[in-house]
Amino acid sequence: MESDAITVSEFNVLLNQTLIFAYPEVVVEGEVSSFKVNQDKWIFFDLKDEQNLVGCFMTIYQLKTELEDGMLIRVKATPQLTKWGKFSLTVKEVELAGEGSLKRAFELLKSKFEKEGLFLEDRKRELPIYPEKVGLVTSNQAAAFNDFVTILEDRWAGLAVDHFQVQVQGPSAPEQISSAIEYMNNLGGYDVLVIIRGGGSIEDLQAFNSEEVVRAIYASSIPTLVAIGHEDDVTLSELVADLRGATPTDAARRLVPDKNELLERISAIQAKNFNILENISAKAQFTLDSFYYSIEARVNNMRQASVDYYMRSINSLDRHMQAVSSTLQLQTKLLNSLDPSAILSRGYSITRVNGKVIKSSDEYIPGAELMIQLHKGQINIKADTGERDAKRQQTELKF
């Protein structure tokens, strides 16, 4: 045995240096086995195929997807020999491989987000009807970008769109997309944030099912519109967005109205309003005419009633004046009949003694001067004393 032996530690260092030189980074595909998380920091699992397995180690912060035993994955890792003499892979990235693993990871992450309330409808915001500035996150190499911009220009020309170029598939896509979302939120001034990608396989769309992108969309202070793949493709990013478009083209239609349709609607509304105003005007004119004729009829009725009342009043006054005149005539006749001069005109006379009217022979004073008032004129005589009784008797006989 040679004397230049090395220590175990030196051997491990030498072997790791050799591994790093020969295989600085490897991509290994296999099925997850014995998956566990230690102290919420470290992740340990085995990667196996039908014949062999290799241990894997990574931090929980490096894991961007849900893992469980039985999933087929690819890991980008550095091989090394630990100080405990165990060979393992220090994992840098994990990528799901195979449709079954992708679907299973999708369901696990979806269930997790549902429990956290990320998909609740009552937290989603309305997009502005007429946005002025839009942030667009996608790859300009994809047909979805050209379709979206073309439809947008046709429907609502002049809209300001800031495009942020990102990769939409591959290991670096989740970080680029989430970073673009965060950058636009920090920049501010956008009415809507649009994230689109064209169709592809479930592996191609995996970036939009990543936790990193979903949480970035959820945290966005800008309302989000997400359209990934075809109509039947539903990603977690679309479920967490404020509004989902079935396709990138549909997203453009949902983002802005069609100016031509809007102009037609405005014209139709104007025509409808014009007809309404015409009907209102016609009804108002009819009402005014009816009111005028009603007022005119009432005025005529009142005028006729006034005339009738005036005539009745005149007639009543005339009858009253006639009655008063008749009464006055009767009163005049009565007064005339009681007038002393009228009585005297019928042959009567008034006799006064010493200015006092005497009504009886007993009031006669012998030898007194009598004044006899006739209808016309008066006679003054001095009465004889001896003849008093005879005259008195004769007078009494006449009456």
Protein backbone atom coordinates (compact mmCIF):
# COMPACT_ATOMS: atom_id res chain seq x y z
CA MET A 1 0.00 0.00 0.00
CA GLU A 2 1.35 3.36 -0.98
CA SER A 3 2.13 5.87 1.74
CA ASP A 4 0.61 8.95 0.08
CA ALA A 5 -2.91 8.21 1.28
CA ILE A 6 -5.44 11.05 1.73
CA THR A 7 -8.02 11.63 4.40
CA VAL A 8 -11.73 10.99 4.00
CA SER A 9 -12.42 14.72 3.97
CA GLU A 10 -9.78 15.25 1.31
CA PHE A 11 -11.29 12.44 -0.69
CA ASN A 12 -14.74 14.02 -0.49
CA VAL A 13 -13.36 17.36 -1.58
CA LEU A 14 -11.44 15.80 -4.44
CA LEU A 15 -14.45 13.83 -5.60
CA ASN A 16 -16.76 16.84 -5.42
CA GLN A 17 -14.26 18.92 -7.37
CA THR A 18 -14.13 16.21 -9.99
CA LEU A 19 -17.94 16.04 -10.11
CA ILE A 20 -18.23 19.80 -10.40
CA PHE A 21 -15.66 19.81 -13.22
CA ALA A 22 -17.21 16.89 -15.04
CA TYR A 23 -20.87 17.56 -14.26
CA PRO A 24 -21.36 21.14 -13.03
CA GLU A 25 -25.09 20.78 -13.66
CA VAL A 26 -27.27 17.82 -14.62
CA VAL A 27 -30.93 17.43 -15.51
CA VAL A 28 -32.37 14.20 -14.18
CA GLU A 29 -35.88 12.87 -14.67
CA GLY A 30 -37.55 10.48 -12.31
CA GLU A 31 -40.44 9.73 -9.98
CA VAL A 32 -40.66 11.40 -6.58
CA SER A 33 -40.41 9.09 -3.60
CA SER A 34 -40.14 9.61 0.18
CA PHE A 35 -40.97 13.32 -0.11
CA LYS A 36 -40.72 15.23 3.18
CA VAL A 37 -40.20 18.74 4.52
CA ASN A 38 -37.96 19.29 7.53
CA GLN A 39 -38.45 22.30 9.85
CA ASP A 40 -40.39 24.13 7.07
CA LYS A 41 -37.02 24.89 5.49
CA TRP A 42 -35.43 21.79 3.97
CA ILE A 43 -36.88 19.39 1.42
CA PHE A 44 -35.67 15.81 1.04
CA PHE A 45 -36.90 13.27 -1.50
CA ASP A 46 -35.67 10.45 -3.68
CA LEU A 47 -35.77 10.43 -7.44
CA LYS A 48 -36.18 6.95 -8.86
CA ASP A 49 -36.86 4.93 -11.98
CA GLU A 50 -37.54 1.23 -12.43
CA GLN A 51 -34.07 0.15 -11.21
CA ASN A 52 -32.30 2.91 -9.24
CA LEU A 53 -32.83 5.96 -7.08
CA VAL A 54 -30.86 9.00 -6.00
CA GLY A 55 -31.38 11.28 -3.03
CA CYS A 56 -32.23 14.94 -3.59
CA PHE A 57 -31.99 17.99 -1.36
CA MET A 58 -33.25 21.58 -1.77
CA THR A 59 -34.63 24.49 0.26
CA ILE A 60 -38.38 25.08 0.45
CA TYR A 61 -37.91 28.56 -1.07
CA GLN A 62 -36.61 27.03 -4.29
CA LEU A 63 -39.70 24.90 -4.81
CA LYS A 64 -42.17 26.64 -7.13
CA THR A 65 -44.74 23.88 -7.47
CA GLU A 66 -46.55 21.32 -5.38
CA LEU A 67 -44.84 17.93 -5.07
CA GLU A 68 -45.89 14.58 -3.70
CA ASP A 69 -44.81 10.97 -4.07
CA GLY A 70 -45.49 9.44 -7.46
CA MET A 71 -45.03 12.59 -9.52
CA LEU A 72 -42.73 12.50 -12.51
CA ILE A 73 -40.34 15.46 -12.47
CA ARG A 74 -37.13 16.82 -13.93
CA VAL A 75 -34.58 18.43 -11.67
CA LYS A 76 -31.70 20.69 -12.52
CA ALA A 77 -29.08 19.89 -9.89
CA THR A 78 -25.44 19.61 -8.93
CA PRO A 79 -24.19 16.13 -7.91
CA GLN A 80 -22.10 15.91 -4.76
CA LEU A 81 -20.88 13.62 -2.04
CA THR A 82 -21.96 14.72 1.43
CA LYS A 83 -19.67 14.63 4.44
CA TRP A 84 -21.68 11.64 5.64
CA GLY A 85 -20.59 9.74 2.57
CA LYS A 86 -23.94 9.84 0.87
CA PHE A 87 -24.23 10.76 -2.78
CA SER A 88 -27.08 13.21 -3.58
CA LEU A 89 -28.27 15.89 -5.93
CA THR A 90 -28.47 19.48 -4.71
CA VAL A 91 -31.53 20.65 -6.62
CA LYS A 92 -31.75 24.15 -8.08
CA GLU A 93 -34.95 23.86 -10.11
CA VAL A 94 -37.87 21.45 -10.35
CA GLU A 95 -39.97 20.98 -13.45
CA LEU A 96 -43.00 18.71 -13.63
CA ALA A 97 -42.77 16.07 -16.35
CA GLY A 98 -45.67 14.15 -17.79
CA GLU A 99 -49.34 15.11 -18.04
CA GLY A 100 -50.31 13.13 -14.97
CA SER A 101 -47.88 14.98 -12.71
CA LEU A 102 -48.84 18.32 -14.15
CA LYS A 103 -52.54 17.70 -13.58
CA ARG A 104 -51.93 16.42 -10.08
CA ALA A 105 -49.81 19.46 -9.21
CA PHE A 106 -52.53 21.67 -10.70
CA GLU A 107 -55.19 20.12 -8.46
CA LEU A 108 -53.02 20.34 -5.34
CA LEU A 109 -52.21 24.00 -5.93
CA LYS A 110 -55.80 24.82 -6.88
CA SER A 111 -57.08 23.27 -3.66
CA LYS A 112 -54.52 25.24 -1.69
CA PHE A 113 -55.53 28.53 -3.28
CA GLU A 114 -59.23 27.82 -2.84
CA LYS A 115 -58.72 27.33 0.89
CA GLU A 116 -56.91 30.67 1.02
CA GLY A 117 -59.76 32.41 -0.85
CA LEU A 118 -57.73 33.52 -3.87
CA PHE A 119 -60.51 32.61 -6.32
CA LEU A 120 -63.46 34.23 -4.52
CA GLU A 121 -65.67 36.23 -6.86
CA ASP A 122 -66.46 38.95 -4.32
CA ARG A 123 -62.82 40.05 -4.22
CA LYS A 124 -62.60 40.54 -7.97
CA ARG A 125 -62.76 44.06 -9.41
CA GLU A 126 -64.60 45.52 -12.37
CA LEU A 127 -62.42 46.60 -15.26
CA PRO A 128 -62.88 50.18 -16.51
CA ILE A 129 -65.20 50.42 -19.50
CA TYR A 130 -62.92 52.81 -21.36
CA PRO A 131 -59.30 52.21 -20.27
CA GLU A 132 -56.70 54.75 -21.33
CA LYS A 133 -53.42 52.99 -20.51
CA VAL A 134 -52.83 49.24 -20.55
CA GLY A 135 -49.86 47.14 -19.47
CA LEU A 136 -49.38 44.00 -21.59
CA VAL A 137 -47.30 41.05 -20.40
CA THR A 138 -46.51 38.44 -23.06
CA SER A 139 -43.94 37.37 -25.63
CA ASN A 140 -43.85 39.41 -28.82
CA GLN A 141 -42.70 36.30 -30.65
CA ALA A 142 -46.09 34.62 -30.28
CA ALA A 143 -49.05 34.93 -32.62
CA ALA A 144 -51.19 35.84 -29.59
CA PHE A 145 -49.37 39.17 -29.31
CA ASN A 146 -50.08 40.17 -32.92
CA ASP A 147 -53.70 39.01 -32.74
CA PHE A 148 -54.32 40.92 -29.53
CA VAL A 149 -52.77 44.18 -30.79
CA THR A 150 -54.55 43.95 -34.16
CA ILE A 151 -57.98 43.38 -32.60
CA LEU A 152 -57.34 46.17 -30.09
CA GLU A 153 -56.41 48.63 -32.83
CA ASP A 154 -59.48 47.72 -34.91
CA ARG A 155 -61.88 48.07 -32.00
CA TRP A 156 -60.45 51.07 -30.15
CA ALA A 157 -57.63 52.84 -32.00
CA GLY A 158 -55.30 55.11 -30.05
CA LEU A 159 -55.24 53.15 -26.79
CA ALA A 160 -51.86 53.43 -25.04
CA VAL A 161 -50.35 49.93 -24.58
CA ASP A 162 -47.02 49.33 -22.85
CA HIS A 163 -45.64 45.89 -23.75
CA PHE A 164 -43.38 44.01 -21.33
CA GLN A 165 -41.47 41.27 -23.10
CA VAL A 166 -41.26 37.99 -21.15
CA GLN A 167 -40.82 34.31 -21.81
CA VAL A 168 -44.13 32.52 -21.55
CA GLN A 169 -42.82 28.99 -21.10
CA GLY A 170 -39.76 27.29 -19.69
CA PRO A 171 -38.06 27.36 -16.28
CA SER A 172 -37.41 31.11 -16.27
CA ALA A 173 -40.92 32.09 -17.39
CA PRO A 174 -42.59 32.25 -13.92
CA GLU A 175 -39.96 34.61 -12.55
CA GLN A 176 -40.04 36.88 -15.60
CA ILE A 177 -43.83 37.09 -15.60
CA SER A 178 -44.14 37.74 -11.87
CA SER A 179 -41.35 40.33 -12.04
CA ALA A 180 -43.11 42.16 -14.88
CA ILE A 181 -46.36 42.25 -12.88
CA GLU A 182 -44.57 43.61 -9.82
CA TYR A 183 -42.69 46.18 -11.91
CA MET A 184 -45.87 47.57 -13.49
CA ASN A 185 -47.57 47.83 -10.11
CA ASN A 186 -44.59 49.76 -8.76
CA LEU A 187 -44.53 51.97 -11.85
CA GLY A 188 -48.26 52.79 -11.60
CA GLY A 189 -50.50 54.71 -13.98
CA TYR A 190 -52.08 51.65 -15.63
CA ASP A 191 -55.83 51.11 -15.83
CA VAL A 192 -55.61 47.40 -16.67
CA LEU A 193 -52.92 44.73 -16.61
CA VAL A 194 -53.30 42.16 -19.42
CA ILE A 195 -51.47 38.80 -19.43
CA ILE A 196 -51.88 36.60 -22.52
CA ARG A 197 -50.41 33.53 -24.16
CA GLY A 198 -51.47 31.42 -27.12
CA GLY A 199 -52.36 27.74 -27.06
CA GLY A 200 -50.04 24.88 -26.26
CA SER A 201 -49.66 21.66 -24.33
CA ILE A 202 -50.14 21.44 -20.59
CA GLU A 203 -46.36 21.58 -20.22
CA ASP A 204 -46.23 24.76 -22.34
CA LEU A 205 -48.79 26.49 -20.11
CA GLN A 206 -47.18 25.40 -16.85
CA ALA A 207 -45.76 28.85 -16.04
CA PHE A 208 -49.31 30.16 -15.61
CA ASN A 209 -50.11 27.39 -13.14
CA SER A 210 -47.11 28.26 -10.98
CA GLU A 211 -47.59 29.59 -7.48
CA GLU A 212 -45.22 32.45 -8.17
CA VAL A 213 -47.29 33.88 -11.02
CA VAL A 214 -50.65 33.23 -9.35
CA ARG A 215 -49.64 35.09 -6.21
CA ALA A 216 -48.22 37.99 -8.25
CA ILE A 217 -51.56 38.37 -10.05
CA TYR A 218 -53.45 38.12 -6.76
CA ALA A 219 -51.28 40.83 -5.20
CA SER A 220 -51.68 43.22 -8.15
CA SER A 221 -53.24 46.56 -7.27
CA ILE A 222 -54.06 47.00 -10.97
CA PRO A 223 -57.17 45.16 -12.23
CA THR A 224 -56.08 42.10 -14.22
CA LEU A 225 -57.31 40.46 -17.42
CA VAL A 226 -55.73 37.05 -18.17
CA ALA A 227 -56.23 34.88 -21.26
CA ILE A 228 -54.05 31.78 -21.61
CA GLY A 229 -54.28 29.16 -24.37
CA HIS A 230 -57.50 28.06 -26.01
CA GLU A 231 -61.02 28.33 -24.65
CA ASP A 232 -60.88 24.87 -23.04
CA ASP A 233 -57.58 25.63 -21.30
CA VAL A 234 -58.14 27.00 -17.79
CA THR A 235 -55.07 27.99 -15.82
CA LEU A 236 -54.77 29.04 -12.19
CA SER A 237 -53.69 32.50 -13.36
CA GLU A 238 -57.03 32.92 -15.11
CA LEU A 239 -58.94 31.75 -12.05
CA VAL A 240 -57.26 34.34 -9.81
CA ALA A 241 -57.56 37.19 -12.32
CA ASP A 242 -60.28 39.84 -12.04
CA LEU A 243 -61.49 38.85 -15.53
CA ARG A 244 -60.70 35.84 -17.73
CA GLY A 245 -60.59 35.85 -21.50
CA ALA A 246 -61.26 32.58 -23.31
CA THR A 247 -58.46 33.41 -25.77
CA PRO A 248 -56.10 36.37 -26.34
CA THR A 249 -58.45 37.55 -29.08
CA ASP A 250 -61.39 37.35 -26.68
CA ALA A 251 -59.35 39.30 -24.14
CA ALA A 252 -58.97 42.17 -26.63
CA ARG A 253 -62.74 42.16 -27.20
CA ARG A 254 -63.41 42.17 -23.46
CA LEU A 255 -60.90 44.95 -22.81
CA VAL A 256 -62.45 47.64 -25.02
CA PRO A 257 -65.76 48.13 -26.83
CA ASP A 258 -66.02 48.19 -30.61
CA LYS A 259 -66.09 51.85 -31.64
CA ASN A 260 -68.26 51.07 -34.68
CA GLU A 261 -70.80 49.19 -32.60
CA LEU A 262 -70.71 51.99 -30.05
CA LEU A 263 -71.35 54.61 -32.73
CA GLU A 264 -74.27 52.54 -34.05
CA ARG A 265 -75.67 52.25 -30.56
CA ILE A 266 -75.27 55.98 -30.02
CA SER A 267 -77.07 56.67 -33.32
CA ALA A 268 -79.85 54.28 -32.36
CA ILE A 269 -80.16 55.90 -28.94
CA GLN A 270 -80.25 59.35 -30.53
CA ALA A 271 -82.97 58.24 -32.94
CA LYS A 272 -84.92 56.65 -30.11
CA ASN A 273 -84.55 59.77 -27.98
CA PHE A 274 -85.65 61.93 -30.91
CA ASN A 275 -88.78 59.81 -31.31
CA ILE A 276 -89.40 59.98 -27.59
CA LEU A 277 -89.02 63.78 -27.67
CA GLU A 278 -91.39 64.00 -30.64
CA ASN A 279 -93.96 61.90 -28.80
CA ILE A 280 -93.53 63.97 -25.67
CA SER A 281 -93.88 67.17 -27.71
CA ALA A 282 -97.01 65.87 -29.44
CA LYS A 283 -98.52 64.79 -26.15
CA ALA A 284 -97.61 68.11 -24.58
CA GLN A 285 -99.20 69.98 -27.50
CA PHE A 286 -102.31 67.83 -27.21
CA THR A 287 -102.43 68.47 -23.49
CA LEU A 288 -101.99 72.21 -24.00
CA ASP A 289 -104.68 72.26 -26.67
CA SER A 290 -107.02 70.28 -24.46
CA PHE A 291 -106.23 72.57 -21.55
CA TYR A 292 -106.79 75.64 -23.73
CA TYR A 293 -110.12 74.38 -25.03
CA SER A 294 -111.11 73.37 -21.53
CA ILE A 295 -110.20 76.81 -20.17
CA GLU A 296 -111.96 78.49 -23.11
CA ALA A 297 -115.09 76.44 -22.48
CA ARG A 298 -114.96 77.25 -18.78
CA VAL A 299 -114.45 80.96 -19.53
CA ASN A 300 -117.38 80.91 -21.96
CA ASN A 301 -119.48 79.13 -19.38
CA MET A 302 -118.45 81.62 -16.75
CA ARG A 303 -119.12 84.51 -19.14
CA GLN A 304 -122.57 83.14 -19.94
CA ALA A 305 -123.21 82.51 -16.27
CA SER A 306 -122.17 86.09 -15.53
CA VAL A 307 -124.47 87.41 -18.23
CA ASP A 308 -127.31 85.25 -16.92
CA TYR A 309 -126.64 86.38 -13.40
CA TYR A 310 -126.48 90.01 -14.56
CA MET A 311 -129.78 89.69 -16.39
CA ARG A 312 -131.37 87.97 -13.43
CA SER A 313 -130.04 90.71 -11.19
CA ILE A 314 -131.34 93.44 -13.52
CA ASN A 315 -134.73 91.76 -13.72
CA SER A 316 -134.82 91.25 -9.99
CA LEU A 317 -133.78 94.87 -9.41
CA ASP A 318 -136.39 96.05 -11.92
CA ARG A 319 -139.07 94.07 -10.15
CA HIS A 320 -137.89 95.40 -6.84
CA MET A 321 -137.93 98.98 -8.15
CA GLN A 322 -141.44 98.47 -9.49
CA ALA A 323 -142.54 97.12 -6.15
CA VAL A 324 -140.86 100.01 -4.37
CA SER A 325 -142.46 102.45 -6.84
CA SER A 326 -145.86 100.93 -6.25
CA THR A 327 -145.38 101.08 -2.52
CA LEU A 328 -144.13 104.63 -2.82
CA GLN A 329 -147.20 105.60 -4.83
CA LEU A 330 -149.48 104.02 -2.26
CA GLN A 331 -147.60 105.77 0.53
CA THR A 332 -147.79 109.01 -1.39
CA LYS A 333 -151.52 108.63 -1.86
CA LEU A 334 -151.88 107.82 1.81
CA LEU A 335 -149.79 110.79 2.78
CA ASN A 336 -151.72 112.96 0.38
CA SER A 337 -154.95 111.71 1.86
CA LEU A 338 -153.71 112.69 5.28
CA ASP A 339 -152.52 116.10 4.16
CA PRO A 340 -154.60 118.77 5.98
CA SER A 341 -154.73 120.85 2.83
CA ALA A 342 -156.20 117.95 0.98
CA ILE A 343 -158.83 117.53 3.66
CA LEU A 344 -159.59 121.24 3.57
CA SER A 345 -160.00 120.98 -0.21
CA ARG A 346 -162.95 118.73 0.39
CA GLY A 347 -164.84 121.49 2.29
CA TYR A 348 -163.46 121.04 5.75
CA SER A 349 -162.01 123.86 7.86
CA ILE A 350 -159.87 124.30 10.94
CA THR A 351 -161.03 126.60 13.75
CA ARG A 352 -158.58 128.09 16.18
CA VAL A 353 -159.18 130.14 19.30
CA ASN A 354 -156.22 132.17 20.38
CA GLY A 355 -154.09 130.11 18.01
CA LYS A 356 -155.26 126.78 19.47
CA VAL A 357 -157.22 124.35 17.36
CA ILE A 358 -160.51 123.54 18.95
CA LYS A 359 -162.00 120.15 18.37
CA SER A 360 -165.15 120.47 20.52
CA SER A 361 -167.80 123.12 21.19
CA ASP A 362 -166.87 122.85 24.80
CA GLU A 363 -163.61 124.56 23.97
CA TYR A 364 -165.41 127.52 22.55
CA ILE A 365 -164.98 130.79 24.47
CA PRO A 366 -167.89 133.23 24.07
CA GLY A 367 -166.80 136.52 22.70
CA ALA A 368 -163.45 135.15 21.64
CA GLU A 369 -162.04 135.85 18.21
CA LEU A 370 -162.23 132.79 15.94
CA MET A 371 -159.84 132.09 13.10
CA ILE A 372 -161.32 129.76 10.55
CA GLN A 373 -158.79 128.22 8.10
CA LEU A 374 -160.25 127.19 4.77
CA HIS A 375 -158.72 125.40 1.80
CA LYS A 376 -157.93 128.74 0.37
CA GLY A 377 -157.52 131.55 2.85
CA GLN A 378 -158.92 132.10 6.35
CA ILE A 379 -161.74 134.02 8.08
CA ASN A 380 -161.40 135.90 11.38
CA ILE A 381 -164.68 136.50 13.22
CA LYS A 382 -165.75 137.37 16.69
CA ALA A 383 -168.38 135.02 18.06
CA ASP A 384 -171.69 136.16 19.60
CA THR A 385 -172.27 135.07 23.18
CA GLY A 386 -175.99 134.46 22.92
CA GLU A 387 -175.84 132.25 19.98
CA ARG A 388 -173.40 129.70 21.43
CA ASP A 389 -175.84 126.99 22.40
CA ALA A 390 -177.88 127.18 19.18
CA LYS A 391 -174.80 126.93 16.99
CA ARG A 392 -173.46 124.14 19.07
CA GLN A 393 -176.69 122.23 18.73
CA GLN A 394 -176.81 122.71 14.99
CA THR A 395 -173.29 121.56 14.59
CA GLU A 396 -173.87 118.44 16.57
CA LEU A 397 -176.94 117.66 14.47
CA LYS A 398 -174.93 117.86 11.24
CA PHE A 399 -172.34 115.33 12.47
